[in-house]
């Protein structure tokens, strides 16, 4: 699942100008919410025996948000390198290196999280899902 997450990140990087989600043109910067929701849903579909979660971290003092994925108590954060003190994405860490900055505000099962993802309207969300799924299929 970590290799699959790396593939998804590569696809996001290579196609960020064409993925019709808010702020995705600057991936991995400012796109953690959309990236995490889509990654978690893609992982849940591909690895149905696992339970994936979208985690929302929040820093109250500055009203900052960050999102990542967890599975089996491990962190997957394909946008972690948007922060100056983190040099690369996170694939399977025991804890998030930003846990001192962002306190867990919520943790939602991937399928439920994706169902409630509302940064874009439903038809646009479906179109983006189809587009990303096609790009993944082309990698095989």
N, C-alpha and C. Protein backbone atom coordinates (compact mmCIF):
# COMPACT_ATOMS: atom_id res chain seq x y z
N UNK A 1 0.82 -1.20 0.00
CA UNK A 1 0.00 0.00 0.00
C UNK A 1 0.86 1.26 0.00
N UNK A 2 2.08 1.15 0.53
CA UNK A 2 2.96 2.32 0.51
C UNK A 2 3.45 2.58 -0.92
N UNK A 3 3.74 1.51 -1.65
CA UNK A 3 4.14 1.69 -3.05
C UNK A 3 3.00 2.29 -3.86
N UNK A 4 1.79 1.84 -3.61
CA UNK A 4 0.63 2.40 -4.29
C UNK A 4 0.49 3.89 -3.95
N UNK A 5 0.72 4.24 -2.71
CA UNK A 5 0.65 5.65 -2.29
C UNK A 5 1.70 6.48 -3.02
N UNK A 6 2.87 5.91 -3.24
CA UNK A 6 3.92 6.61 -3.99
C UNK A 6 3.49 6.83 -5.44
N UNK A 7 2.85 5.84 -6.02
CA UNK A 7 2.35 5.97 -7.39
C UNK A 7 1.30 7.07 -7.47
N UNK A 8 0.39 7.08 -6.51
CA UNK A 8 -0.65 8.12 -6.49
C UNK A 8 0.00 9.50 -6.38
N UNK A 9 0.98 9.63 -5.52
CA UNK A 9 1.67 10.92 -5.40
C UNK A 9 2.32 11.32 -6.72
N UNK A 10 2.99 10.38 -7.38
CA UNK A 10 3.61 10.68 -8.68
C UNK A 10 2.56 11.16 -9.68
N UNK A 11 1.43 10.48 -9.69
CA UNK A 11 0.34 10.87 -10.60
C UNK A 11 -0.15 12.27 -10.26
N UNK A 12 -0.32 12.55 -8.98
CA UNK A 12 -0.75 13.89 -8.57
C UNK A 12 0.27 14.95 -9.00
N UNK A 13 1.55 14.67 -8.81
CA UNK A 13 2.60 15.63 -9.20
C UNK A 13 2.61 15.86 -10.71
N UNK A 14 2.54 14.78 -11.46
CA UNK A 14 2.62 14.86 -12.92
C UNK A 14 1.38 15.51 -13.54
N UNK A 15 0.25 15.44 -12.85
CA UNK A 15 -1.02 15.90 -13.43
C UNK A 15 -1.69 17.00 -12.62
N UNK A 16 -0.96 17.65 -11.75
CA UNK A 16 -1.56 18.62 -10.84
C UNK A 16 -2.28 19.76 -11.56
N UNK A 17 -1.83 20.12 -12.73
CA UNK A 17 -2.49 21.20 -13.49
C UNK A 17 -3.83 20.74 -14.06
N UNK A 18 -4.03 19.44 -14.19
CA UNK A 18 -5.25 18.90 -14.80
C UNK A 18 -6.23 18.30 -13.81
N UNK A 19 -5.84 18.20 -12.56
CA UNK A 19 -6.73 17.65 -11.54
C UNK A 19 -7.56 18.80 -10.98
N UNK A 20 -8.84 18.76 -11.25
CA UNK A 20 -9.75 19.89 -10.99
C UNK A 20 -10.23 19.92 -9.53
N UNK A 21 -9.28 20.18 -8.64
CA UNK A 21 -9.57 20.31 -7.22
C UNK A 21 -8.95 21.61 -6.71
N UNK A 22 -9.54 22.21 -5.69
CA UNK A 22 -9.01 23.47 -5.17
C UNK A 22 -7.53 23.38 -4.79
N UNK A 23 -6.75 24.32 -5.28
CA UNK A 23 -5.33 24.49 -4.97
C UNK A 23 -4.43 23.36 -5.46
N UNK A 24 -4.98 22.42 -6.25
CA UNK A 24 -4.18 21.26 -6.64
C UNK A 24 -3.05 21.63 -7.59
N UNK A 25 -3.18 22.73 -8.29
CA UNK A 25 -2.12 23.19 -9.20
C UNK A 25 -0.80 23.39 -8.46
N UNK A 26 -0.85 23.58 -7.14
CA UNK A 26 0.38 23.80 -6.37
C UNK A 26 0.79 22.56 -5.56
N UNK A 27 0.22 21.40 -5.87
CA UNK A 27 0.53 20.16 -5.16
C UNK A 27 2.04 20.00 -5.04
N UNK A 28 2.58 19.66 -3.88
CA UNK A 28 1.92 19.23 -2.66
C UNK A 28 1.50 20.37 -1.72
N UNK A 29 1.80 21.60 -2.08
CA UNK A 29 1.43 22.72 -1.20
C UNK A 29 -0.06 23.02 -1.26
N UNK A 30 -0.62 23.28 -0.11
CA UNK A 30 -2.03 23.72 0.01
C UNK A 30 -3.05 22.76 -0.59
N UNK A 31 -2.70 21.50 -0.72
CA UNK A 31 -3.62 20.54 -1.31
C UNK A 31 -3.78 19.28 -0.46
N UNK A 32 -3.39 19.37 0.81
CA UNK A 32 -3.40 18.19 1.67
C UNK A 32 -4.80 17.62 1.88
N UNK A 33 -5.81 18.49 1.95
CA UNK A 33 -7.16 18.00 2.21
C UNK A 33 -7.65 17.14 1.05
N UNK A 34 -7.66 17.70 -0.15
CA UNK A 34 -8.12 16.94 -1.32
C UNK A 34 -7.26 15.70 -1.55
N UNK A 35 -5.94 15.87 -1.46
CA UNK A 35 -5.03 14.74 -1.70
C UNK A 35 -5.28 13.61 -0.71
N UNK A 36 -5.49 13.94 0.55
CA UNK A 36 -5.70 12.91 1.58
C UNK A 36 -7.04 12.20 1.41
N UNK A 37 -8.08 12.95 1.10
CA UNK A 37 -9.39 12.32 0.90
C UNK A 37 -9.35 11.36 -0.29
N UNK A 38 -8.77 11.81 -1.39
CA UNK A 38 -8.71 10.94 -2.57
C UNK A 38 -7.78 9.76 -2.34
N UNK A 39 -6.61 10.00 -1.75
CA UNK A 39 -5.69 8.89 -1.49
C UNK A 39 -6.33 7.85 -0.58
N UNK A 40 -6.96 8.28 0.49
CA UNK A 40 -7.58 7.34 1.43
C UNK A 40 -8.66 6.51 0.74
N UNK A 41 -9.47 7.15 -0.08
CA UNK A 41 -10.53 6.42 -0.79
C UNK A 41 -9.94 5.43 -1.80
N UNK A 42 -8.89 5.84 -2.50
CA UNK A 42 -8.23 4.94 -3.45
C UNK A 42 -7.60 3.75 -2.73
N UNK A 43 -6.96 4.00 -1.60
CA UNK A 43 -6.38 2.92 -0.81
C UNK A 43 -7.46 1.97 -0.29
N UNK A 44 -8.55 2.52 0.20
CA UNK A 44 -9.65 1.69 0.74
C UNK A 44 -10.24 0.81 -0.35
N UNK A 45 -10.31 1.33 -1.56
CA UNK A 45 -10.83 0.54 -2.68
C UNK A 45 -9.86 -0.58 -3.06
N UNK A 46 -8.59 -0.27 -3.11
CA UNK A 46 -7.60 -1.25 -3.56
C UNK A 46 -7.25 -2.28 -2.48
N UNK A 47 -7.24 -1.86 -1.24
CA UNK A 47 -6.86 -2.74 -0.13
C UNK A 47 -8.04 -2.86 0.83
N UNK A 48 -9.06 -3.56 0.39
CA UNK A 48 -10.34 -3.59 1.11
C UNK A 48 -10.26 -4.28 2.47
N UNK A 49 -9.22 -5.04 2.72
CA UNK A 49 -9.08 -5.71 4.01
C UNK A 49 -8.51 -4.82 5.11
N UNK A 50 -8.14 -3.61 4.75
CA UNK A 50 -7.55 -2.67 5.70
C UNK A 50 -8.53 -1.54 5.98
N UNK A 51 -8.35 -0.90 7.12
CA UNK A 51 -9.19 0.25 7.46
C UNK A 51 -8.33 1.51 7.43
N UNK A 52 -8.66 2.39 6.51
CA UNK A 52 -7.93 3.64 6.32
C UNK A 52 -8.72 4.79 6.91
N UNK A 53 -8.00 5.79 7.38
CA UNK A 53 -8.63 6.96 7.99
C UNK A 53 -8.04 8.24 7.41
N UNK A 54 -8.88 9.25 7.28
CA UNK A 54 -8.41 10.60 6.99
C UNK A 54 -8.33 11.32 8.34
N UNK A 55 -7.16 11.85 8.64
CA UNK A 55 -6.95 12.56 9.89
C UNK A 55 -6.85 14.05 9.60
N UNK A 56 -7.57 14.82 10.38
CA UNK A 56 -7.53 16.27 10.28
C UNK A 56 -6.79 16.80 11.50
N UNK A 57 -5.67 17.45 11.25
CA UNK A 57 -4.91 18.09 12.31
C UNK A 57 -5.16 19.59 12.29
N UNK A 58 -5.17 20.18 13.46
CA UNK A 58 -5.51 21.60 13.56
C UNK A 58 -4.60 22.30 14.56
N UNK A 59 -4.14 23.48 14.19
CA UNK A 59 -3.36 24.32 15.09
C UNK A 59 -4.23 25.52 15.44
N UNK A 60 -4.77 25.51 16.63
CA UNK A 60 -5.74 26.53 17.04
C UNK A 60 -5.17 27.94 17.06
N UNK A 61 -3.95 28.09 17.52
CA UNK A 61 -3.39 29.44 17.69
C UNK A 61 -3.27 30.20 16.37
N UNK A 62 -3.06 29.48 15.27
CA UNK A 62 -2.90 30.14 13.98
C UNK A 62 -3.98 29.74 12.98
N UNK A 63 -4.95 28.95 13.42
CA UNK A 63 -6.04 28.47 12.56
C UNK A 63 -5.51 27.76 11.31
N UNK A 64 -4.48 26.94 11.50
CA UNK A 64 -3.90 26.16 10.41
C UNK A 64 -4.46 24.74 10.44
N UNK A 65 -4.61 24.16 9.25
CA UNK A 65 -5.13 22.80 9.11
C UNK A 65 -4.13 21.96 8.32
N UNK A 66 -4.12 20.68 8.61
CA UNK A 66 -3.37 19.73 7.80
C UNK A 66 -4.10 18.39 7.83
N UNK A 67 -4.04 17.67 6.72
CA UNK A 67 -4.71 16.38 6.58
C UNK A 67 -3.70 15.33 6.14
N UNK A 68 -3.92 14.09 6.61
CA UNK A 68 -3.10 12.96 6.20
C UNK A 68 -3.92 11.69 6.35
N UNK A 69 -3.32 10.55 6.00
CA UNK A 69 -3.99 9.25 6.03
C UNK A 69 -3.31 8.39 7.08
N UNK A 70 -4.10 7.56 7.76
CA UNK A 70 -3.55 6.58 8.70
C UNK A 70 -4.13 5.20 8.39
N UNK A 71 -3.30 4.19 8.59
CA UNK A 71 -3.70 2.79 8.47
C UNK A 71 -2.84 1.99 9.44
N UNK A 72 -3.48 1.11 10.18
CA UNK A 72 -2.76 0.27 11.15
C UNK A 72 -1.88 1.12 12.09
N UNK A 73 -2.35 2.29 12.44
CA UNK A 73 -1.60 3.17 13.33
C UNK A 73 -0.40 3.84 12.70
N UNK A 74 -0.26 3.71 11.39
CA UNK A 74 0.88 4.30 10.67
C UNK A 74 0.41 5.46 9.79
N UNK A 75 1.32 6.38 9.57
CA UNK A 75 1.02 7.62 8.84
C UNK A 75 1.44 7.52 7.38
N UNK A 76 0.54 7.97 6.51
CA UNK A 76 0.86 8.20 5.10
C UNK A 76 0.51 9.66 4.84
N UNK A 77 1.50 10.44 4.49
CA UNK A 77 1.26 11.87 4.22
C UNK A 77 2.02 12.25 2.96
N UNK A 78 1.30 12.27 1.84
CA UNK A 78 1.94 12.55 0.56
C UNK A 78 2.15 14.04 0.31
N UNK A 79 1.73 14.87 1.26
CA UNK A 79 1.97 16.32 1.13
C UNK A 79 2.83 16.86 2.27
N UNK A 80 3.41 16.00 3.06
CA UNK A 80 4.20 16.45 4.23
C UNK A 80 5.36 17.34 3.83
N UNK A 81 5.91 17.12 2.65
CA UNK A 81 7.08 17.90 2.23
C UNK A 81 6.75 19.33 1.82
N UNK A 82 5.49 19.72 1.97
CA UNK A 82 5.17 21.14 1.75
C UNK A 82 5.70 21.99 2.90
N UNK A 83 6.02 21.36 4.01
CA UNK A 83 6.55 22.06 5.18
C UNK A 83 8.07 22.10 5.11
N UNK A 84 8.64 23.23 5.45
CA UNK A 84 10.08 23.44 5.28
C UNK A 84 10.95 22.49 6.10
N UNK A 85 10.44 21.99 7.21
CA UNK A 85 11.24 21.10 8.06
C UNK A 85 11.07 19.62 7.71
N UNK A 86 10.31 19.32 6.67
CA UNK A 86 10.12 17.92 6.24
C UNK A 86 10.56 17.82 4.79
N UNK A 87 11.47 16.92 4.52
CA UNK A 87 12.10 16.86 3.20
C UNK A 87 11.42 15.95 2.20
N UNK A 88 10.58 15.03 2.70
CA UNK A 88 9.96 14.08 1.77
C UNK A 88 8.62 13.62 2.32
N UNK A 89 7.81 13.02 1.46
CA UNK A 89 6.52 12.48 1.92
C UNK A 89 6.74 11.39 2.97
N UNK A 90 5.68 11.05 3.66
CA UNK A 90 5.75 10.05 4.73
C UNK A 90 4.97 8.81 4.30
N UNK A 91 5.63 7.67 4.37
CA UNK A 91 5.01 6.40 4.00
C UNK A 91 5.24 5.38 5.11
N UNK A 92 4.35 5.31 6.07
CA UNK A 92 4.41 4.27 7.09
C UNK A 92 5.10 4.65 8.38
N UNK A 93 5.19 5.92 8.69
CA UNK A 93 5.81 6.34 9.96
C UNK A 93 4.92 5.97 11.14
N UNK A 94 5.55 5.70 12.27
CA UNK A 94 4.81 5.37 13.50
C UNK A 94 4.03 6.57 14.03
N UNK A 95 4.57 7.75 13.83
CA UNK A 95 3.88 8.97 14.26
C UNK A 95 4.19 10.08 13.26
N UNK A 96 3.37 11.10 13.27
CA UNK A 96 3.55 12.20 12.34
C UNK A 96 4.57 13.18 12.93
N UNK A 97 5.58 13.57 12.15
CA UNK A 97 6.56 14.51 12.68
C UNK A 97 5.97 15.88 13.02
N UNK A 98 4.78 16.16 12.56
CA UNK A 98 4.13 17.44 12.86
C UNK A 98 3.10 17.32 13.98
N UNK A 99 3.10 16.20 14.70
CA UNK A 99 2.07 16.01 15.73
C UNK A 99 2.16 17.04 16.85
N UNK A 100 3.31 17.65 17.03
CA UNK A 100 3.43 18.72 18.01
C UNK A 100 2.85 20.03 17.53
N UNK A 101 2.73 20.16 16.23
CA UNK A 101 2.18 21.39 15.64
C UNK A 101 0.67 21.26 15.40
N UNK A 102 0.27 20.14 14.81
CA UNK A 102 -1.13 19.91 14.48
C UNK A 102 -1.71 18.84 15.40
N UNK A 103 -2.66 19.22 16.21
CA UNK A 103 -3.31 18.26 17.09
C UNK A 103 -4.50 17.64 16.38
N UNK A 104 -4.66 16.34 16.56
CA UNK A 104 -5.74 15.63 15.88
C UNK A 104 -7.09 16.22 16.25
N UNK A 105 -7.78 16.71 15.25
CA UNK A 105 -9.11 17.29 15.43
C UNK A 105 -10.19 16.27 15.12
N UNK A 106 -9.92 15.44 14.10
CA UNK A 106 -10.87 14.38 13.75
C UNK A 106 -10.14 13.26 13.02
N UNK A 107 -10.76 12.09 13.03
CA UNK A 107 -10.23 10.91 12.35
C UNK A 107 -11.43 10.15 11.82
N UNK A 108 -11.56 10.09 10.49
CA UNK A 108 -12.76 9.55 9.87
C UNK A 108 -12.39 8.43 8.92
N UNK A 109 -13.14 7.33 8.98
CA UNK A 109 -12.93 6.20 8.08
C UNK A 109 -12.99 6.70 6.63
N UNK A 110 -12.10 6.16 5.79
CA UNK A 110 -11.88 6.69 4.44
C UNK A 110 -13.14 6.79 3.58
N UNK A 111 -13.94 5.73 3.54
CA UNK A 111 -15.13 5.76 2.67
C UNK A 111 -16.14 6.80 3.15
N UNK A 112 -16.32 6.88 4.45
CA UNK A 112 -17.23 7.89 5.01
C UNK A 112 -16.66 9.29 4.78
N UNK A 113 -15.38 9.43 4.96
CA UNK A 113 -14.74 10.73 4.75
C UNK A 113 -14.94 11.19 3.31
N UNK A 114 -14.70 10.29 2.36
CA UNK A 114 -14.82 10.66 0.95
C UNK A 114 -16.27 11.00 0.60
N UNK A 115 -17.19 10.27 1.18
CA UNK A 115 -18.61 10.54 0.94
C UNK A 115 -18.96 11.97 1.37
N UNK A 116 -18.35 12.43 2.45
CA UNK A 116 -18.66 13.76 2.99
C UNK A 116 -17.71 14.85 2.51
N UNK A 117 -16.74 14.49 1.68
CA UNK A 117 -15.82 15.47 1.12
C UNK A 117 -16.61 16.43 0.24
N UNK A 118 -16.60 17.70 0.59
CA UNK A 118 -17.47 18.64 -0.13
C UNK A 118 -16.77 19.92 -0.58
N UNK A 119 -15.48 19.84 -0.84
CA UNK A 119 -14.80 21.02 -1.39
C UNK A 119 -15.23 21.29 -2.82
N UNK A 120 -15.75 20.27 -3.49
CA UNK A 120 -16.29 20.42 -4.84
C UNK A 120 -17.64 19.71 -4.90
N UNK A 121 -18.43 20.09 -5.89
CA UNK A 121 -19.74 19.45 -6.02
C UNK A 121 -19.57 17.99 -6.48
N UNK A 122 -20.62 17.22 -6.28
CA UNK A 122 -20.58 15.77 -6.50
C UNK A 122 -20.13 15.39 -7.91
N UNK A 123 -20.67 16.03 -8.93
CA UNK A 123 -20.31 15.66 -10.31
C UNK A 123 -18.84 15.91 -10.59
N UNK A 124 -18.32 16.99 -10.07
CA UNK A 124 -16.90 17.29 -10.25
C UNK A 124 -16.05 16.27 -9.49
N UNK A 125 -16.48 15.91 -8.30
CA UNK A 125 -15.76 14.89 -7.52
C UNK A 125 -15.73 13.57 -8.28
N UNK A 126 -16.84 13.18 -8.87
CA UNK A 126 -16.90 11.94 -9.66
C UNK A 126 -15.98 12.01 -10.87
N UNK A 127 -15.96 13.17 -11.54
CA UNK A 127 -15.12 13.34 -12.73
C UNK A 127 -13.63 13.25 -12.35
N UNK A 128 -13.26 13.85 -11.25
CA UNK A 128 -11.87 13.78 -10.79
C UNK A 128 -11.52 12.34 -10.42
N UNK A 129 -12.44 11.65 -9.75
CA UNK A 129 -12.22 10.24 -9.40
C UNK A 129 -11.96 9.40 -10.65
N UNK A 130 -12.79 9.59 -11.67
CA UNK A 130 -12.62 8.84 -12.92
C UNK A 130 -11.27 9.16 -13.57
N UNK A 131 -10.93 10.43 -13.58
CA UNK A 131 -9.67 10.86 -14.19
C UNK A 131 -8.47 10.23 -13.48
N UNK A 132 -8.45 10.32 -12.17
CA UNK A 132 -7.34 9.75 -11.39
C UNK A 132 -7.31 8.23 -11.54
N UNK A 133 -8.46 7.59 -11.50
CA UNK A 133 -8.52 6.13 -11.66
C UNK A 133 -7.98 5.70 -13.02
N UNK A 134 -8.29 6.46 -14.05
CA UNK A 134 -7.77 6.17 -15.39
C UNK A 134 -6.26 6.30 -15.42
N UNK A 135 -5.73 7.33 -14.81
CA UNK A 135 -4.28 7.52 -14.76
C UNK A 135 -3.59 6.37 -14.01
N UNK A 136 -4.21 5.92 -12.94
CA UNK A 136 -3.66 4.78 -12.19
C UNK A 136 -3.68 3.53 -13.05
N UNK A 137 -4.78 3.30 -13.72
CA UNK A 137 -4.92 2.12 -14.59
C UNK A 137 -3.87 2.13 -15.70
N UNK A 138 -3.55 3.28 -16.21
CA UNK A 138 -2.55 3.40 -17.28
C UNK A 138 -1.15 3.07 -16.79
N UNK A 139 -0.92 3.11 -15.50
CA UNK A 139 0.38 2.79 -14.92
C UNK A 139 0.65 1.29 -14.87
N UNK A 140 -0.37 0.50 -15.00
CA UNK A 140 -0.20 -0.96 -14.86
C UNK A 140 0.49 -1.57 -16.04
